Amino acid sequence: MPTPSMEDYLERIYKLIDEKGYARVSDIAEGLEVHPSSVTKMIQKLDKDEYLIYEKYRGLVLTSKGKKVGKRLVDRHQLLEEFLELIGVDPDHIYKDVEGIEHHLSWDSITCIATLIEYFKRDESRLEELRGVHQELLGES
């Protein structure tokens, strides 16, 4: 299982490849706000652990294992953003909040959150009731 730091890199690499078709060290470094030398070290570790194949000066390619994990991490991130939006978290805080909690939740908790989101989506009146309770608690009624 990848460490939280490895997860951040795999998530970023997966997104870059999905969006651009490739992931360069400089793009990864910029997206994660780290030095390119840190990216190179992590890429070598991810290569050793068979999440990707890295050839110096040629780039990198995710393995099927890396793609599977990367997609799962991107999906987890999107799910948590959707959940925080659903429960009324200020949009300006959502990304940072997700970054702060995503590595600390079990996959069981993620599945339960997905189930809860689906529960609210299946009946719009449930969402309206949730928003009403949220407003009451904030004293906005």
Protein backbone atom coordinates (compact mmCIF):
# COMPACT_ATOMS: atom_id res chain seq x y z
CA MET A 1 0.00 0.00 0.00
CA PRO A 2 1.41 3.41 -0.90
CA THR A 3 2.24 5.99 1.76
CA PRO A 4 0.25 9.27 1.85
CA SER A 5 3.11 11.01 0.06
CA MET A 6 3.20 8.32 -2.63
CA GLU A 7 -0.57 8.68 -2.97
CA ASP A 8 -0.21 12.43 -3.60
CA TYR A 9 2.30 11.76 -6.38
CA LEU A 10 0.27 8.96 -7.95
CA GLU A 11 -2.87 11.07 -7.88
CA ARG A 12 -1.07 14.01 -9.48
CA ILE A 13 0.64 11.85 -12.13
CA TYR A 14 -2.62 10.11 -13.00
CA LYS A 15 -4.41 13.46 -13.39
CA LEU A 16 -1.64 14.92 -15.54
CA ILE A 17 -1.58 11.92 -17.85
CA ASP A 18 -5.37 11.97 -18.06
CA GLU A 19 -5.43 15.71 -18.88
CA LYS A 20 -2.28 16.12 -21.01
CA GLY A 21 -1.32 12.63 -22.06
CA TYR A 22 1.98 12.85 -20.17
CA ALA A 23 3.45 13.87 -16.84
CA ARG A 24 6.74 15.75 -16.67
CA VAL A 25 8.82 16.18 -13.52
CA SER A 26 8.36 19.95 -13.73
CA ASP A 27 4.55 19.63 -13.95
CA ILE A 28 4.45 17.24 -11.01
CA ALA A 29 6.71 19.52 -8.96
CA GLU A 30 4.58 22.56 -9.75
CA GLY A 31 1.32 20.77 -8.93
CA LEU A 32 2.59 19.44 -5.61
CA GLU A 33 4.65 22.54 -4.79
CA VAL A 34 7.87 20.58 -4.29
CA HIS A 35 11.35 20.71 -5.82
CA PRO A 36 12.00 18.73 -8.99
CA SER A 37 14.70 16.76 -7.16
CA SER A 38 12.04 15.54 -4.70
CA VAL A 39 9.87 14.45 -7.61
CA THR A 40 12.75 12.51 -9.16
CA LYS A 41 13.40 10.68 -5.88
CA MET A 42 9.74 9.76 -5.49
CA ILE A 43 9.43 8.69 -9.12
CA GLN A 44 12.37 6.34 -8.58
CA LYS A 45 10.65 4.90 -5.51
CA LEU A 46 7.35 4.51 -7.40
CA ASP A 47 9.28 2.79 -10.19
CA LYS A 48 10.90 0.41 -7.68
CA ASP A 49 7.46 -0.38 -6.20
CA GLU A 50 6.10 -1.00 -9.73
CA TYR A 51 3.56 1.82 -9.85
CA LEU A 52 5.26 3.30 -12.89
CA ILE A 53 8.13 2.80 -15.30
CA TYR A 54 10.65 5.63 -15.33
CA GLU A 55 13.44 6.13 -17.79
CA LYS A 56 15.72 9.08 -17.16
CA TYR A 57 15.30 11.77 -19.84
CA ARG A 58 12.49 9.78 -21.47
CA GLY A 59 9.64 10.22 -19.06
CA LEU A 60 7.38 7.90 -17.19
CA VAL A 61 4.45 5.60 -17.79
CA LEU A 62 2.05 4.30 -15.17
CA THR A 63 1.85 0.53 -14.90
CA SER A 64 -1.56 -1.11 -14.70
CA LYS A 65 -1.07 -1.17 -10.91
CA GLY A 66 -0.23 2.57 -10.95
CA LYS A 67 -3.23 3.37 -13.15
CA LYS A 68 -5.57 1.43 -10.89
CA VAL A 69 -4.31 3.13 -7.73
CA GLY A 70 -4.15 6.56 -9.40
CA LYS A 71 -7.74 6.33 -10.61
CA ARG A 72 -8.92 5.18 -7.20
CA LEU A 73 -7.15 8.15 -5.55
CA VAL A 74 -8.58 10.67 -8.02
CA ASP A 75 -12.04 9.17 -7.52
CA ARG A 76 -11.61 9.36 -3.72
CA HIS A 77 -10.63 13.02 -3.97
CA GLN A 78 -13.62 13.86 -6.17
CA LEU A 79 -15.97 11.93 -3.88
CA LEU A 80 -14.76 13.82 -0.81
CA GLU A 81 -15.09 17.15 -2.62
CA GLU A 82 -18.66 16.21 -3.57
CA PHE A 83 -19.42 15.17 0.01
CA LEU A 84 -18.10 18.41 1.51
CA GLU A 85 -20.05 20.42 -1.06
CA LEU A 86 -23.18 18.40 -0.29
CA ILE A 87 -22.97 19.06 3.46
CA GLY A 88 -22.51 22.78 2.90
CA VAL A 89 -18.78 23.39 3.36
CA ASP A 90 -17.67 26.76 1.97
CA PRO A 91 -16.33 26.12 -1.57
CA ASP A 92 -13.22 28.14 -0.72
CA HIS A 93 -12.29 25.53 1.91
CA ILE A 94 -13.18 22.30 0.14
CA TYR A 95 -9.92 21.55 -1.71
CA LYS A 96 -7.72 22.22 1.30
CA ASP A 97 -10.05 20.25 3.58
CA VAL A 98 -10.00 17.26 1.24
CA GLU A 99 -6.21 17.40 1.08
CA GLY A 100 -6.19 17.39 4.87
CA ILE A 101 -8.49 14.41 5.38
CA GLU A 102 -8.20 12.12 2.38
CA HIS A 103 -5.23 10.13 3.70
CA HIS A 104 -6.77 9.68 7.14
CA LEU A 105 -9.97 7.90 6.12
CA SER A 106 -10.21 4.16 5.63
CA TRP A 107 -11.59 2.81 2.39
CA ASP A 108 -14.53 1.56 4.43
CA SER A 109 -15.26 5.17 5.47
CA ILE A 110 -14.94 6.28 1.84
CA THR A 111 -17.48 3.63 0.81
CA CYS A 112 -19.87 4.77 3.55
CA ILE A 113 -19.53 8.39 2.38
CA ALA A 114 -20.27 7.27 -1.19
CA THR A 115 -23.38 5.48 0.07
CA LEU A 116 -24.52 8.59 1.95
CA ILE A 117 -24.02 10.78 -1.13
CA GLU A 118 -26.06 8.34 -3.19
CA TYR A 119 -28.79 8.34 -0.53
CA PHE A 120 -29.15 12.12 -0.76
CA LYS A 121 -28.93 12.18 -4.56
CA ARG A 122 -31.75 9.66 -4.99
CA ASP A 123 -34.31 12.01 -3.44
CA GLU A 124 -33.98 15.77 -3.90
CA SER A 125 -36.21 16.38 -0.86
CA ARG A 126 -33.51 14.79 1.32
CA LEU A 127 -30.99 17.32 0.04
CA GLU A 128 -33.40 20.16 0.66
CA GLU A 129 -34.01 18.92 4.20
CA LEU A 130 -30.25 18.64 4.80
CA ARG A 131 -29.74 22.21 3.58
CA GLY A 132 -32.57 23.39 5.84
CA VAL A 133 -31.00 21.74 8.89
CA HIS A 134 -27.63 23.23 7.94
CA GLN A 135 -29.12 26.72 7.70
CA GLU A 136 -30.91 26.28 11.05
CA LEU A 137 -27.67 25.30 12.75
CA LEU A 138 -25.97 28.33 11.25
CA GLY A 139 -28.83 30.54 12.42
CA GLU A 140 -29.81 31.50 8.88
CA SER A 141 -33.45 30.42 8.99
